[in-house]
Amino acid sequence: MPSRIPISNWRKQQVLRWIESEGGQVPTRAISHFRVQGLKLDGGSVRRWWRDREKLLAADPSMSRLPGGGRRPLSATMEDALYDEIVAKRLQKEKVTRAWIGHMARRAVTYMKFLRNAVPAMDLNRTILMDETAVYFEDARNQAVDITGSRHVVVRSTGFSSMRITAVLAVSATGRKIPPLLIWKGRASPTFAKIGGVYGAYQPRAWVDSALLKRWIDLAFSLVDMQEGKHLVWDSTRAHISKDVKAKCAARKINMCVIPGELTPYLQAGDIGIYKTLKDLLYMKINAWKESDKVEYTRFGNPHSSLDWHVAKHDVYGEQFCTGWEGAGDDLEDMDNFNLDELHDALDDAALIDE
């Protein structure tokens, strides 16, 4: 592919004078005239020169461009954010190219057009934003702050960093909070158990599947609600766009607004406004427990594991979290003894708009 050859201002001035004197002030007539002389011009460039002819005729002939005539950023803030995102991804060994950025931008624009077209038909009271997030029993984070000059930083751990539950959080477009759903690892449960203001369920992998989502849809959208305008906004997780879930939404007359992949951090408001806030609150509680006098540390600086695996599994959220737990079984009836007040308060604090 040939490289672009800059055209000096004196050549542009020559073209403009010919258009004024012999071209009848029609810029495109200069293309064929100067092609004979070996100067390749395109219509867009000539028309742009003609619009800026006063500046070009007064410019320095030895220069190739007008002062300050280069490309201006459409949004300096957006370009800075885009640059930081590219640097962060390349530090993580992820390939970032112009084609990838352009493809993602086109998908974002297409989705926003689709969403704007759907807004007039939406009933905000029946439009729900929903997503799942993994909540680990230990959130050590991958960064630590210590005294400047320290060669080693001790990151304290309980040894249960891989244990997690799934929190399903949802909110309506008017700010009404939908009761959270917590999914624990265990034998699949056919129904949801209600503990205070929180629902609980078991799944073999502590994650959502099509069957669980179908039950959750009936929970979030009342079965007696037959009015129009129901919308469900969520990401493109495989379970969200499965045939069973699509059929369920079609039967309940619920329109799905699926956020394209890799765009949830930019187009899903709950990703930052709700889910990040929840994890930050739990992170502070976990650190407070590890720094309290309720644990003993090994010679490497890590807390000793509890003798009772059940207490060690749940006490990371605080002493109140274990109140009422006397059995170690995974049966549903054991869930009735839960005290989730502290976790429920954290979920309440995570919402942007209170009820």
Protein backbone atom coordinates (compact mmCIF):
# COMPACT_ATOMS: atom_id res chain seq x y z
CA MET A 1 0.00 0.00 0.00
CA PRO A 2 1.60 3.34 -1.04
CA SER A 3 2.29 5.84 1.71
CA ARG A 4 0.63 9.22 1.72
CA ILE A 5 2.69 12.02 0.19
CA PRO A 6 2.09 15.42 1.82
CA ILE A 7 1.25 18.30 -0.53
CA SER A 8 2.91 21.58 0.33
CA ASN A 9 0.98 24.79 0.76
CA TRP A 10 2.48 26.39 -2.35
CA ARG A 11 1.05 23.56 -4.49
CA LYS A 12 -2.35 23.98 -2.80
CA GLN A 13 -2.16 27.72 -3.49
CA GLN A 14 -1.40 26.97 -7.15
CA VAL A 15 -4.49 24.75 -7.36
CA LEU A 16 -6.69 27.38 -5.69
CA ARG A 17 -5.50 30.17 -8.03
CA TRP A 18 -6.22 27.98 -11.08
CA ILE A 19 -9.75 27.27 -9.77
CA GLU A 20 -10.38 31.00 -9.31
CA SER A 21 -8.96 32.05 -12.70
CA GLU A 22 -9.68 29.17 -15.08
CA GLY A 23 -11.79 26.61 -13.23
CA GLY A 24 -14.91 28.71 -12.89
CA GLN A 25 -14.68 28.34 -9.09
CA VAL A 26 -15.61 24.65 -9.38
CA PRO A 27 -13.04 22.75 -7.24
CA THR A 28 -13.42 19.34 -8.90
CA ARG A 29 -12.39 20.69 -12.33
CA ALA A 30 -8.83 20.92 -11.02
CA ILE A 31 -8.56 17.13 -10.67
CA SER A 32 -8.28 16.34 -14.39
CA HIS A 33 -6.22 19.46 -15.15
CA PHE A 34 -3.49 18.72 -12.60
CA ARG A 35 -3.56 14.96 -13.25
CA VAL A 36 -1.96 15.70 -16.63
CA GLN A 37 0.85 17.45 -14.74
CA GLY A 38 1.41 14.37 -12.53
CA LEU A 39 -0.39 15.64 -9.42
CA LYS A 40 -2.97 13.17 -8.14
CA LEU A 41 -5.84 14.89 -6.37
CA ASP A 42 -9.10 13.64 -4.91
CA GLY A 43 -12.35 15.50 -4.81
CA GLY A 44 -12.61 15.57 -1.02
CA SER A 45 -9.21 17.22 -0.56
CA VAL A 46 -9.81 19.83 -3.26
CA ARG A 47 -13.21 20.77 -1.85
CA ARG A 48 -11.70 21.05 1.63
CA TRP A 49 -8.94 23.33 0.31
CA TRP A 50 -11.54 25.48 -1.42
CA ARG A 51 -13.50 25.92 1.83
CA ASP A 52 -10.30 27.00 3.62
CA ARG A 53 -8.90 29.00 0.69
CA GLU A 54 -8.54 32.24 2.66
CA LYS A 55 -6.34 30.58 5.27
CA LEU A 56 -4.38 28.57 2.71
CA LEU A 57 -3.64 31.56 0.48
CA ALA A 58 -2.34 33.47 3.51
CA ALA A 59 -0.30 30.54 4.88
CA ASP A 60 3.46 30.00 4.63
CA PRO A 61 4.13 28.31 1.23
CA SER A 62 6.97 26.22 2.66
CA MET A 63 4.70 24.41 5.13
CA SER A 64 2.54 21.38 4.37
CA ARG A 65 -0.33 22.12 6.75
CA LEU A 66 -2.06 25.03 8.35
CA PRO A 67 -1.02 25.77 11.94
CA GLY A 68 -3.46 23.95 14.22
CA GLY A 69 -5.07 22.21 11.27
CA GLY A 70 -4.42 18.68 12.50
CA ARG A 71 -6.97 16.28 13.89
CA ARG A 72 -8.63 17.41 17.09
CA PRO A 73 -9.83 14.82 19.63
CA LEU A 74 -13.60 14.53 19.75
CA SER A 75 -13.44 14.02 23.52
CA ALA A 76 -10.19 14.40 25.43
CA THR A 77 -11.63 12.58 28.44
CA MET A 78 -12.81 9.67 26.30
CA GLU A 79 -9.47 9.37 24.54
CA ASP A 80 -7.60 9.36 27.86
CA ALA A 81 -9.89 6.62 29.17
CA LEU A 82 -9.45 4.63 25.96
CA TYR A 83 -5.67 4.97 26.16
CA ASP A 84 -5.64 3.77 29.78
CA GLU A 85 -7.83 0.79 28.83
CA ILE A 86 -5.49 -0.18 25.98
CA VAL A 87 -2.40 0.04 28.20
CA ALA A 88 -4.07 -2.04 30.94
CA LYS A 89 -5.09 -4.77 28.50
CA ARG A 90 -1.67 -4.95 26.89
CA LEU A 91 -0.04 -5.25 30.32
CA GLN A 92 -2.28 -8.29 30.82
CA LYS A 93 -0.99 -9.74 27.53
CA GLU A 94 -4.32 -9.15 25.76
CA LYS A 95 -4.16 -8.20 22.10
CA VAL A 96 -5.73 -4.81 21.38
CA THR A 97 -5.98 -3.60 17.78
CA ARG A 98 -7.77 -0.84 15.88
CA ALA A 99 -10.12 -3.44 14.41
CA TRP A 100 -11.03 -4.69 17.91
CA ILE A 101 -11.74 -1.15 19.14
CA GLY A 102 -13.79 -0.31 16.04
CA HIS A 103 -15.80 -3.54 16.27
CA MET A 104 -16.57 -2.95 19.94
CA ALA A 105 -17.57 0.67 19.28
CA ARG A 106 -19.94 -0.40 16.47
CA ARG A 107 -21.57 -2.97 18.75
CA ALA A 108 -21.98 -0.36 21.48
CA VAL A 109 -23.61 2.12 19.08
CA THR A 110 -25.90 -0.56 17.64
CA TYR A 111 -27.04 -1.65 21.11
CA MET A 112 -27.71 1.93 22.24
CA LYS A 113 -29.80 2.55 19.11
CA PHE A 114 -31.77 -0.62 19.84
CA LEU A 115 -32.27 0.45 23.46
CA ARG A 116 -33.43 3.96 22.52
CA ASN A 117 -35.96 2.53 20.08
CA ALA A 118 -37.28 0.26 22.85
CA VAL A 119 -37.59 3.02 25.49
CA PRO A 120 -41.04 4.31 24.37
CA ALA A 121 -42.54 0.83 24.86
CA MET A 122 -40.92 0.30 28.27
CA ASP A 123 -42.77 0.41 31.54
CA LEU A 124 -40.07 1.58 33.95
CA ASN A 125 -41.74 -0.16 36.89
CA ARG A 126 -41.57 -3.44 34.95
CA THR A 127 -38.09 -2.96 33.46
CA ILE A 128 -35.48 -4.85 35.49
CA LEU A 129 -31.69 -4.80 35.30
CA MET A 130 -30.25 -8.10 36.54
CA ASP A 131 -26.82 -9.69 36.77
CA GLU A 132 -24.97 -12.35 38.75
CA THR A 133 -21.69 -11.79 40.54
CA ALA A 134 -19.42 -14.22 42.35
CA VAL A 135 -18.85 -13.34 46.02
CA TYR A 136 -15.75 -15.05 47.40
CA PHE A 137 -15.33 -15.83 51.07
CA GLU A 138 -11.99 -14.11 50.92
CA ASP A 139 -11.21 -11.11 48.74
CA ALA A 140 -7.48 -10.62 49.10
CA ARG A 141 -7.20 -8.38 46.01
CA ASN A 142 -4.20 -8.53 43.71
CA GLN A 143 -2.65 -5.30 44.95
CA ALA A 144 -1.28 -4.30 48.35
CA VAL A 145 -0.05 -1.05 49.84
CA ASP A 146 2.84 -1.10 52.29
CA ILE A 147 5.64 1.12 53.55
CA THR A 148 7.78 2.49 50.71
CA GLY A 149 10.92 0.44 50.22
CA SER A 150 9.54 -2.84 51.56
CA ARG A 151 10.81 -5.80 49.54
CA HIS A 152 8.02 -8.16 50.58
CA VAL A 153 4.37 -7.56 51.45
CA VAL A 154 2.44 -10.17 53.44
CA VAL A 155 -1.07 -10.74 52.08
CA ARG A 156 -2.99 -12.48 54.82
CA SER A 157 -5.20 -15.35 53.79
CA THR A 158 -7.62 -17.71 55.51
CA GLY A 159 -7.08 -20.51 53.02
CA PHE A 160 -10.65 -20.27 51.71
CA SER A 161 -10.00 -17.91 48.79
CA SER A 162 -11.59 -20.28 46.24
CA MET A 163 -14.86 -20.73 48.16
CA ARG A 164 -17.67 -18.57 46.85
CA ILE A 165 -21.38 -18.07 46.46
CA THR A 166 -23.27 -16.34 43.66
CA ALA A 167 -25.32 -13.22 44.37
CA VAL A 168 -28.10 -12.43 41.91
CA LEU A 169 -28.87 -8.73 42.24
CA ALA A 170 -31.58 -6.86 40.36
CA VAL A 171 -33.16 -3.42 40.40
CA SER A 172 -35.98 -1.85 38.43
CA ALA A 173 -35.56 1.22 36.23
CA THR A 174 -37.35 3.28 38.90
CA GLY A 175 -34.84 2.24 41.60
CA ARG A 176 -36.96 -0.43 43.29
CA LYS A 177 -34.75 -3.18 44.70
CA ILE A 178 -35.63 -6.78 43.86
CA PRO A 179 -34.96 -9.23 46.74
CA PRO A 180 -31.45 -10.69 46.24
CA LEU A 181 -30.91 -14.37 45.49
CA LEU A 182 -27.90 -16.17 46.99
CA ILE A 183 -26.82 -19.44 45.38
CA TRP A 184 -24.78 -21.90 47.45
CA LYS A 185 -22.92 -24.99 46.31
CA GLY A 186 -24.90 -28.16 47.00
CA ARG A 187 -27.63 -30.41 45.71
CA ALA A 188 -29.97 -28.51 43.39
CA SER A 189 -33.03 -27.21 45.21
CA PRO A 190 -36.42 -27.14 43.42
CA THR A 191 -37.59 -23.95 45.13
CA PHE A 192 -36.18 -20.80 46.69
CA ALA A 193 -35.98 -20.52 50.46
CA LYS A 194 -36.90 -17.12 51.96
CA ILE A 195 -34.63 -15.95 54.79
CA GLY A 196 -35.59 -12.47 55.89
CA GLY A 197 -35.42 -10.30 52.79
CA VAL A 198 -33.10 -12.65 50.91
CA TYR A 199 -33.84 -15.75 48.83
CA GLY A 200 -31.50 -18.75 48.88
CA ALA A 201 -30.95 -21.73 46.60
CA TYR A 202 -28.49 -24.55 46.00
CA GLN A 203 -26.72 -25.44 42.75
CA PRO A 204 -23.98 -28.05 42.16
CA ARG A 205 -21.61 -25.34 40.87
CA ALA A 206 -23.04 -22.42 42.86
CA TRP A 207 -23.96 -20.70 39.58
CA VAL A 208 -27.09 -20.05 37.53
CA ASP A 209 -28.55 -22.32 34.87
CA SER A 210 -31.62 -22.12 32.64
CA ALA A 211 -33.92 -23.89 35.12
CA LEU A 212 -32.97 -21.55 37.96
CA LEU A 213 -33.36 -18.46 35.76
CA LYS A 214 -36.85 -19.54 34.73
CA ARG A 215 -37.86 -19.74 38.40
CA TRP A 216 -36.22 -16.39 39.08
CA ILE A 217 -38.19 -14.76 36.25
CA ASP A 218 -41.44 -15.86 37.91
CA LEU A 219 -40.10 -14.44 41.17
CA ALA A 220 -39.13 -11.04 39.71
CA PHE A 221 -42.20 -10.67 37.46
CA SER A 222 -45.41 -11.57 39.23
CA LEU A 223 -47.43 -14.32 37.55
CA VAL A 224 -50.59 -12.22 37.77
CA ASP A 225 -48.93 -9.31 35.95
CA MET A 226 -50.21 -9.61 32.37
CA GLN A 227 -49.65 -6.00 31.30
CA GLU A 228 -47.37 -4.92 28.47
CA GLY A 229 -44.05 -3.12 28.76
CA LYS A 230 -42.05 -5.74 30.69
CA HIS A 231 -38.33 -5.68 29.84
CA LEU A 232 -35.35 -7.60 31.20
CA VAL A 233 -31.89 -6.08 30.74
CA TRP A 234 -28.91 -8.39 31.28
CA ASP A 235 -25.65 -9.52 29.67
CA SER A 236 -25.00 -12.22 27.09
CA THR A 237 -24.17 -15.07 29.49
CA ARG A 238 -24.96 -18.42 27.88
CA ALA A 239 -27.73 -19.18 30.40
CA HIS A 240 -29.39 -15.81 29.70
CA ILE A 241 -29.74 -16.45 25.96
CA SER A 242 -30.56 -20.16 26.09
CA LYS A 243 -33.59 -21.47 24.19
CA ASP A 244 -35.45 -22.33 27.40
CA VAL A 245 -35.01 -18.85 28.86
CA LYS A 246 -35.99 -17.17 25.57
CA ALA A 247 -39.12 -19.33 25.41
CA LYS A 248 -39.93 -18.45 29.04
CA CYS A 249 -39.62 -14.72 28.36
CA ALA A 250 -41.72 -15.03 25.20
CA ALA A 251 -44.45 -16.88 27.11
CA ARG A 252 -44.47 -14.20 29.83
CA LYS A 253 -44.35 -11.38 27.20
CA ILE A 254 -41.02 -10.13 28.56
CA ASN A 255 -38.76 -8.36 26.09
CA MET A 256 -35.05 -9.13 26.48
CA CYS A 257 -32.37 -6.43 26.09
CA VAL A 258 -29.09 -8.35 25.89
CA ILE A 259 -25.92 -6.31 26.39
CA PRO A 260 -23.23 -7.45 23.91
CA GLY A 261 -20.19 -9.27 25.21
CA GLU A 262 -17.26 -7.24 26.62
CA LEU A 263 -19.46 -4.14 26.87
CA THR A 264 -21.00 -4.65 30.32
CA PRO A 265 -18.37 -2.47 32.10
CA TYR A 266 -19.40 0.42 29.83
CA LEU A 267 -23.12 -0.11 29.15
CA GLN A 268 -24.37 -1.83 32.32
CA ALA A 269 -24.81 0.75 35.06
CA GLY A 270 -25.20 -1.87 37.79
CA ASP A 271 -21.74 -3.27 37.09
CA ILE A 272 -20.20 -0.28 38.89
CA GLY A 273 -23.09 1.23 40.82
CA ILE A 274 -24.23 -1.98 42.57
CA TYR A 275 -21.92 -4.97 42.19
CA LYS A 276 -18.61 -3.18 42.78
CA THR A 277 -20.06 -1.41 45.82
CA LEU A 278 -21.25 -4.72 47.27
CA LYS A 279 -17.82 -6.33 46.90
CA ASP A 280 -16.08 -3.30 48.38
CA LEU A 281 -18.33 -3.46 51.45
CA LEU A 282 -17.69 -7.18 51.89
CA TYR A 283 -13.97 -6.64 51.38
CA MET A 284 -13.90 -4.24 54.34
CA LYS A 285 -15.77 -6.74 56.53
CA ILE A 286 -13.38 -9.55 55.57
CA ASN A 287 -10.35 -7.41 56.35
CA ALA A 288 -11.85 -6.30 59.66
CA TRP A 289 -12.32 -9.94 60.66
CA LYS A 290 -8.78 -10.91 59.67
CA GLU A 291 -7.34 -7.95 61.60
CA SER A 292 -9.44 -8.60 64.71
CA ASP A 293 -8.33 -10.65 67.74
CA LYS A 294 -10.67 -13.52 66.83
CA VAL A 295 -7.94 -15.34 64.90
CA GLU A 296 -4.42 -16.64 65.53
CA TYR A 297 -1.68 -16.27 62.96
CA THR A 298 0.89 -18.75 61.71
CA ARG A 299 4.58 -17.90 61.57
CA PHE A 300 4.07 -16.85 57.95
CA GLY A 301 1.49 -14.22 58.89
CA ASN A 302 -1.63 -16.13 57.77
CA PRO A 303 -4.61 -16.73 60.07
CA HIS A 304 -4.88 -20.21 61.54
CA SER A 305 -7.67 -22.30 60.05
CA SER A 306 -10.58 -22.86 62.40
CA LEU A 307 -11.01 -26.31 63.93
CA ASP A 308 -14.61 -26.30 62.79
CA TRP A 309 -14.71 -26.13 58.97
CA HIS A 310 -18.27 -24.90 59.07
CA VAL A 311 -17.43 -21.85 61.17
CA ALA A 312 -14.38 -21.14 59.03
CA LYS A 313 -16.55 -21.27 55.94
CA HIS A 314 -19.07 -18.69 57.11
CA ASP A 315 -17.46 -16.58 59.84
CA VAL A 316 -15.59 -14.45 57.32
CA TYR A 317 -18.67 -12.22 57.18
CA GLY A 318 -18.75 -11.66 60.92
CA GLU A 319 -19.99 -13.27 64.10
CA GLN A 320 -23.66 -12.58 63.38
CA PHE A 321 -23.42 -14.50 60.12
CA CYS A 322 -22.99 -17.80 62.00
CA THR A 323 -25.72 -17.24 64.56
CA GLY A 324 -28.25 -20.05 64.49
CA TRP A 325 -26.06 -22.49 62.57
CA GLU A 326 -25.92 -25.61 64.69
CA GLY A 327 -25.80 -28.28 61.99
CA ALA A 328 -23.30 -28.82 59.23
CA GLY A 329 -25.64 -30.41 56.68
CA ASP A 330 -26.55 -29.07 53.26
CA ASP A 331 -30.31 -29.72 53.53
CA LEU A 332 -32.71 -26.91 52.88
CA GLU A 333 -34.18 -27.03 56.37
CA ASP A 334 -30.81 -25.94 57.77
CA MET A 335 -31.16 -22.68 55.87
CA ASP A 336 -34.07 -21.64 58.10
CA ASN A 337 -31.60 -21.09 60.95
CA PHE A 338 -29.52 -18.60 58.96
CA ASN A 339 -29.10 -15.08 60.19
CA LEU A 340 -28.28 -13.02 57.11
CA ASP A 341 -28.92 -9.61 58.67
CA GLU A 342 -25.39 -8.42 58.16
CA LEU A 343 -25.20 -9.55 54.54
CA HIS A 344 -28.67 -8.15 53.88
CA ASP A 345 -27.55 -4.78 55.26
CA ALA A 346 -24.60 -4.86 52.87
CA LEU A 347 -26.94 -5.54 49.97
CA ASP A 348 -29.13 -2.61 51.07
CA ASP A 349 -26.11 -0.30 51.24
CA ALA A 350 -25.04 -1.35 47.75
CA ALA A 351 -28.16 0.06 46.05
CA LEU A 352 -27.98 3.56 44.62
CA ILE A 353 -31.63 4.42 45.27
CA ASP A 354 -33.35 3.31 48.46
CA GLU A 355 -36.87 2.10 48.46
